[in-house]
Amino acid sequence: MSKLPNVDSAMLSLQLPAAIELPDLLARVEAVYGKKLQLTPVSGKGWGRTTGLWLNAADVGFILYRTCDPVLYQEHSICHELGHIILRHTGCTALNEKSAKNLFQTVGRTRGVISLLARGNDVNIQELEAEAIAFKLAERLHPPYRESSIDEVFGL
């Protein structure tokens, strides 16, 4: 158990198998979220330290992630945003209100944006919880082959 009880209970509620593929994980999170999720790759130009973003619209959720990052890091950013969704977080700490309005003015008008959260370098409880879930989800997406002892690994 972690020091973040919300993370542990959220992970248990998903009832994930030991190994899962990303499309199946998305389907599980969509069931909790109650609407479809659309993964949206973006160039990352002008994003600074923001590596991912969850945009919660009335009829769909968008997870934006930077294509300039390595593939595993992109996946981690997606899992981080899934963590926000699973934990039902609200509000954004990585973008200020003016930037958020400017960046998503068109999408907000046409898709009924309710809230957005971005993955950046802020340290607060929501970011810590989402990051903890991201690591736990990554363990399911890339499980270890099997448990082994240090003797086996290094041939001692």
C-alpha atoms as a PDB file:
ATOM      1  CA  MET A   1       0.000   0.000   0.000  1.00  0.00           C
ATOM      2  CA  SER A   2       1.206   3.503  -0.805  1.00  0.00           C
ATOM      3  CA  LYS A   3       1.054   6.651   1.290  1.00  0.00           C
ATOM      4  CA  LEU A   4      -1.633   7.876  -1.112  1.00  0.00           C
ATOM      5  CA  PRO A   5      -4.803   5.950  -0.121  1.00  0.00           C
ATOM      6  CA  ASN A   6      -6.834   7.350  -3.040  1.00  0.00           C
ATOM      7  CA  VAL A   7      -4.371   5.760  -5.450  1.00  0.00           C
ATOM      8  CA  ASP A   8      -4.636   2.324  -3.871  1.00  0.00           C
ATOM      9  CA  SER A   9      -8.442   2.323  -3.775  1.00  0.00           C
ATOM     10  CA  ALA A  10      -8.671   3.650  -7.343  1.00  0.00           C
ATOM     11  CA  MET A  11      -6.355   0.939  -8.642  1.00  0.00           C
ATOM     12  CA  LEU A  12      -8.330  -1.752  -6.823  1.00  0.00           C
ATOM     13  CA  SER A  13     -11.604  -0.441  -8.255  1.00  0.00           C
ATOM     14  CA  LEU A  14     -10.318  -0.888 -11.832  1.00  0.00           C
ATOM     15  CA  GLN A  15      -9.821  -4.632 -11.243  1.00  0.00           C
ATOM     16  CA  LEU A  16      -6.998  -4.744 -13.774  1.00  0.00           C
ATOM     17  CA  PRO A  17      -5.322  -7.990 -14.740  1.00  0.00           C
ATOM     18  CA  ALA A  18      -1.582  -8.361 -14.098  1.00  0.00           C
ATOM     19  CA  ALA A  19      -0.908  -7.503 -17.755  1.00  0.00           C
ATOM     20  CA  ILE A  20      -3.037  -5.316 -20.019  1.00  0.00           C
ATOM     21  CA  GLU A  21      -2.712  -3.622 -23.416  1.00  0.00           C
ATOM     22  CA  LEU A  22      -3.306   0.128 -23.792  1.00  0.00           C
ATOM     23  CA  PRO A  23      -6.612  -0.209 -25.755  1.00  0.00           C
ATOM     24  CA  ASP A  24      -8.027  -2.471 -23.022  1.00  0.00           C
ATOM     25  CA  LEU A  25      -6.821  -0.073 -20.323  1.00  0.00           C
ATOM     26  CA  LEU A  26      -8.496   2.814 -22.132  1.00  0.00           C
ATOM     27  CA  ALA A  27     -11.750   0.826 -22.287  1.00  0.00           C
ATOM     28  CA  ARG A  28     -11.608   0.218 -18.516  1.00  0.00           C
ATOM     29  CA  VAL A  29     -11.020   3.903 -17.813  1.00  0.00           C
ATOM     30  CA  GLU A  30     -13.793   4.907 -20.242  1.00  0.00           C
ATOM     31  CA  ALA A  31     -16.175   2.713 -18.249  1.00  0.00           C
ATOM     32  CA  VAL A  32     -15.246   4.589 -15.053  1.00  0.00           C
ATOM     33  CA  TYR A  33     -15.255   7.974 -16.829  1.00  0.00           C
ATOM     34  CA  GLY A  34     -18.604   7.396 -18.526  1.00  0.00           C
ATOM     35  CA  LYS A  35     -17.540   8.664 -21.952  1.00  0.00           C
ATOM     36  CA  LYS A  36     -15.095   7.982 -24.757  1.00  0.00           C
ATOM     37  CA  LEU A  37     -11.465   9.039 -24.607  1.00  0.00           C
ATOM     38  CA  GLN A  38      -9.637  10.329 -27.647  1.00  0.00           C
ATOM     39  CA  LEU A  39      -5.839  10.131 -27.641  1.00  0.00           C
ATOM     40  CA  THR A  40      -4.552  13.162 -29.532  1.00  0.00           C
ATOM     41  CA  PRO A  41      -0.873  13.474 -30.456  1.00  0.00           C
ATOM     42  CA  VAL A  42       0.452  17.051 -30.680  1.00  0.00           C
ATOM     43  CA  SER A  43       3.809  18.389 -31.834  1.00  0.00           C
ATOM     44  CA  GLY A  44       4.719  19.738 -28.419  1.00  0.00           C
ATOM     45  CA  LYS A  45       5.955  23.020 -29.911  1.00  0.00           C
ATOM     46  CA  GLY A  46       5.307  25.768 -27.401  1.00  0.00           C
ATOM     47  CA  TRP A  47       4.266  23.367 -24.641  1.00  0.00           C
ATOM     48  CA  GLY A  48       7.354  23.979 -22.526  1.00  0.00           C
ATOM     49  CA  ARG A  49       7.405  21.545 -19.621  1.00  0.00           C
ATOM     50  CA  THR A  50       3.804  20.426 -20.141  1.00  0.00           C
ATOM     51  CA  THR A  51       3.991  16.881 -21.513  1.00  0.00           C
ATOM     52  CA  GLY A  52       0.347  15.879 -21.493  1.00  0.00           C
ATOM     53  CA  LEU A  53      -3.102  17.309 -21.055  1.00  0.00           C
ATOM     54  CA  TRP A  54      -6.564  15.966 -20.255  1.00  0.00           C
ATOM     55  CA  LEU A  55      -9.362  18.060 -21.674  1.00  0.00           C
ATOM     56  CA  ASN A  56     -12.729  17.079 -20.208  1.00  0.00           C
ATOM     57  CA  ALA A  57     -15.478  17.981 -22.686  1.00  0.00           C
ATOM     58  CA  ALA A  58     -19.196  17.363 -22.330  1.00  0.00           C
ATOM     59  CA  ASP A  59     -19.309  14.359 -24.651  1.00  0.00           C
ATOM     60  CA  VAL A  60     -15.708  13.110 -24.815  1.00  0.00           C
ATOM     61  CA  GLY A  61     -12.370  13.338 -23.071  1.00  0.00           C
ATOM     62  CA  PHE A  62      -9.232  14.312 -24.956  1.00  0.00           C
ATOM     63  CA  ILE A  63      -5.787  13.252 -23.832  1.00  0.00           C
ATOM     64  CA  LEU A  64      -3.164  15.287 -25.637  1.00  0.00           C
ATOM     65  CA  TYR A  65       0.445  14.122 -25.532  1.00  0.00           C
ATOM     66  CA  ARG A  66       3.651  15.357 -27.160  1.00  0.00           C
ATOM     67  CA  THR A  67       5.017  13.467 -30.154  1.00  0.00           C
ATOM     68  CA  CYS A  68       8.470  14.966 -29.563  1.00  0.00           C
ATOM     69  CA  ASP A  69       8.877  12.717 -26.494  1.00  0.00           C
ATOM     70  CA  PRO A  70      10.110   9.098 -26.636  1.00  0.00           C
ATOM     71  CA  VAL A  71       7.280   6.570 -27.048  1.00  0.00           C
ATOM     72  CA  LEU A  72       7.506   5.226 -23.482  1.00  0.00           C
ATOM     73  CA  TYR A  73       7.413   8.771 -22.125  1.00  0.00           C
ATOM     74  CA  GLN A  74       4.350   9.496 -24.282  1.00  0.00           C
ATOM     75  CA  GLU A  75       2.698   6.428 -22.788  1.00  0.00           C
ATOM     76  CA  HIS A  76       3.632   7.564 -19.280  1.00  0.00           C
ATOM     77  CA  SER A  77       2.086  10.983 -19.957  1.00  0.00           C
ATOM     78  CA  ILE A  78      -1.095   9.262 -21.171  1.00  0.00           C
ATOM     79  CA  CYS A  79      -1.169   7.099 -18.025  1.00  0.00           C
ATOM     80  CA  HIS A  80      -0.683  10.208 -15.881  1.00  0.00           C
ATOM     81  CA  GLU A  81      -3.736  11.808 -17.489  1.00  0.00           C
ATOM     82  CA  LEU A  82      -5.670   8.558 -17.039  1.00  0.00           C
ATOM     83  CA  GLY A  83      -4.764   8.842 -13.361  1.00  0.00           C
ATOM     84  CA  HIS A  84      -6.459  12.245 -13.175  1.00  0.00           C
ATOM     85  CA  ILE A  85      -9.550  10.764 -14.812  1.00  0.00           C
ATOM     86  CA  ILE A  86      -9.638   7.692 -12.558  1.00  0.00           C
ATOM     87  CA  LEU A  87      -9.300   9.885  -9.477  1.00  0.00           C
ATOM     88  CA  ARG A  88     -11.866  12.393 -10.784  1.00  0.00           C
ATOM     89  CA  HIS A  89      -9.498  15.335 -10.355  1.00  0.00           C
ATOM     90  CA  THR A  90     -10.602  18.799 -11.422  1.00  0.00           C
ATOM     91  CA  GLY A  91      -8.788  21.986 -12.352  1.00  0.00           C
ATOM     92  CA  CYS A  92      -5.447  22.637 -13.982  1.00  0.00           C
ATOM     93  CA  THR A  93      -2.270  23.701 -12.278  1.00  0.00           C
ATOM     94  CA  ALA A  94       0.161  23.629 -15.204  1.00  0.00           C
ATOM     95  CA  LEU A  95      -1.561  26.228 -17.395  1.00  0.00           C
ATOM     96  CA  ASN A  96      -2.761  29.588 -16.189  1.00  0.00           C
ATOM     97  CA  GLU A  97      -6.334  30.620 -16.925  1.00  0.00           C
ATOM     98  CA  LYS A  98      -5.410  33.005 -19.764  1.00  0.00           C
ATOM     99  CA  SER A  99      -3.247  30.389 -21.515  1.00  0.00           C
ATOM    100  CA  ALA A 100      -5.919  27.740 -21.152  1.00  0.00           C
ATOM    101  CA  LYS A 101      -8.605  30.013 -22.618  1.00  0.00           C
ATOM    102  CA  ASN A 102      -6.394  31.043 -25.535  1.00  0.00           C
ATOM    103  CA  LEU A 103      -5.163  27.523 -26.269  1.00  0.00           C
ATOM    104  CA  PHE A 104      -8.581  25.869 -26.246  1.00  0.00           C
ATOM    105  CA  GLN A 105     -10.960  28.682 -27.154  1.00  0.00           C
ATOM    106  CA  THR A 106     -12.197  26.980 -30.332  1.00  0.00           C
ATOM    107  CA  VAL A 107     -12.363  23.480 -28.850  1.00  0.00           C
ATOM    108  CA  GLY A 108     -14.083  24.832 -25.759  1.00  0.00           C
ATOM    109  CA  ARG A 109     -16.818  26.481 -27.766  1.00  0.00           C
ATOM    110  CA  THR A 110     -17.484  23.541 -30.042  1.00  0.00           C
ATOM    111  CA  ARG A 111     -17.029  20.647 -27.626  1.00  0.00           C
ATOM    112  CA  GLY A 112     -18.311  22.048 -24.322  1.00  0.00           C
ATOM    113  CA  VAL A 113     -15.061  21.901 -22.348  1.00  0.00           C
ATOM    114  CA  ILE A 114     -15.753  21.395 -18.661  1.00  0.00           C
ATOM    115  CA  SER A 115     -12.202  21.303 -17.269  1.00  0.00           C
ATOM    116  CA  LEU A 116      -8.629  20.531 -18.192  1.00  0.00           C
ATOM    117  CA  LEU A 117      -5.578  19.200 -16.417  1.00  0.00           C
ATOM    118  CA  ALA A 118      -2.036  19.264 -17.725  1.00  0.00           C
ATOM    119  CA  ARG A 119       1.013  17.198 -16.818  1.00  0.00           C
ATOM    120  CA  GLY A 120       3.858  19.509 -15.883  1.00  0.00           C
ATOM    121  CA  ASN A 121       6.322  19.923 -13.055  1.00  0.00           C
ATOM    122  CA  ASP A 122       3.962  21.242 -10.398  1.00  0.00           C
ATOM    123  CA  VAL A 123       4.017  19.398  -7.089  1.00  0.00           C
ATOM    124  CA  ASN A 124       0.631  19.113  -5.408  1.00  0.00           C
ATOM    125  CA  ILE A 125      -1.516  16.231  -4.199  1.00  0.00           C
ATOM    126  CA  GLN A 126      -3.370  15.810  -7.512  1.00  0.00           C
ATOM    127  CA  GLU A 127      -0.105  15.627  -9.455  1.00  0.00           C
ATOM    128  CA  LEU A 128       1.453  13.222  -6.941  1.00  0.00           C
ATOM    129  CA  GLU A 129      -1.590  10.935  -7.109  1.00  0.00           C
ATOM    130  CA  ALA A 130      -1.736  11.010 -10.921  1.00  0.00           C
ATOM    131  CA  GLU A 131       1.985  10.261 -11.130  1.00  0.00           C
ATOM    132  CA  ALA A 132       1.649   7.353  -8.685  1.00  0.00           C
ATOM    133  CA  ILE A 133      -1.188   5.871 -10.760  1.00  0.00           C
ATOM    134  CA  ALA A 134       0.842   6.372 -13.952  1.00  0.00           C
ATOM    135  CA  PHE A 135       3.621   4.189 -12.536  1.00  0.00           C
ATOM    136  CA  LYS A 136       1.155   1.548 -11.351  1.00  0.00           C
ATOM    137  CA  LEU A 137      -0.532   1.478 -14.774  1.00  0.00           C
ATOM    138  CA  ALA A 138       2.865   1.210 -16.480  1.00  0.00           C
ATOM    139  CA  GLU A 139       3.587  -1.894 -14.377  1.00  0.00           C
ATOM    140  CA  ARG A 140       0.452  -3.464 -15.878  1.00  0.00           C
ATOM    141  CA  LEU A 141       1.315  -2.356 -19.420  1.00  0.00           C
ATOM    142  CA  HIS A 142       4.904  -3.624 -19.087  1.00  0.00           C
ATOM    143  CA  PRO A 143       4.927  -6.305 -16.375  1.00  0.00           C
ATOM    144  CA  PRO A 144       8.211  -7.896 -15.315  1.00  0.00           C
ATOM    145  CA  TYR A 145       8.840 -11.294 -16.863  1.00  0.00           C
ATOM    146  CA  ARG A 146       8.867 -12.975 -13.468  1.00  0.00           C
ATOM    147  CA  GLU A 147      10.143 -12.439  -9.996  1.00  0.00           C
ATOM    148  CA  SER A 148      13.804 -13.297  -9.603  1.00  0.00           C
ATOM    149  CA  SER A 149      16.408 -13.071  -6.918  1.00  0.00           C
ATOM    150  CA  ILE A 150      19.562 -10.978  -7.112  1.00  0.00           C
ATOM    151  CA  ASP A 151      21.533 -14.243  -7.303  1.00  0.00           C
ATOM    152  CA  GLU A 152      19.648 -15.308 -10.428  1.00  0.00           C
ATOM    153  CA  VAL A 153      19.983 -11.917 -12.105  1.00  0.00           C
ATOM    154  CA  PHE A 154      23.744 -11.687 -11.624  1.00  0.00           C
ATOM    155  CA  GLY A 155      24.555 -15.412 -11.685  1.00  0.00           C
ATOM    156  CA  LEU A 156      25.892 -15.505  -8.143  1.00  0.00           C
END
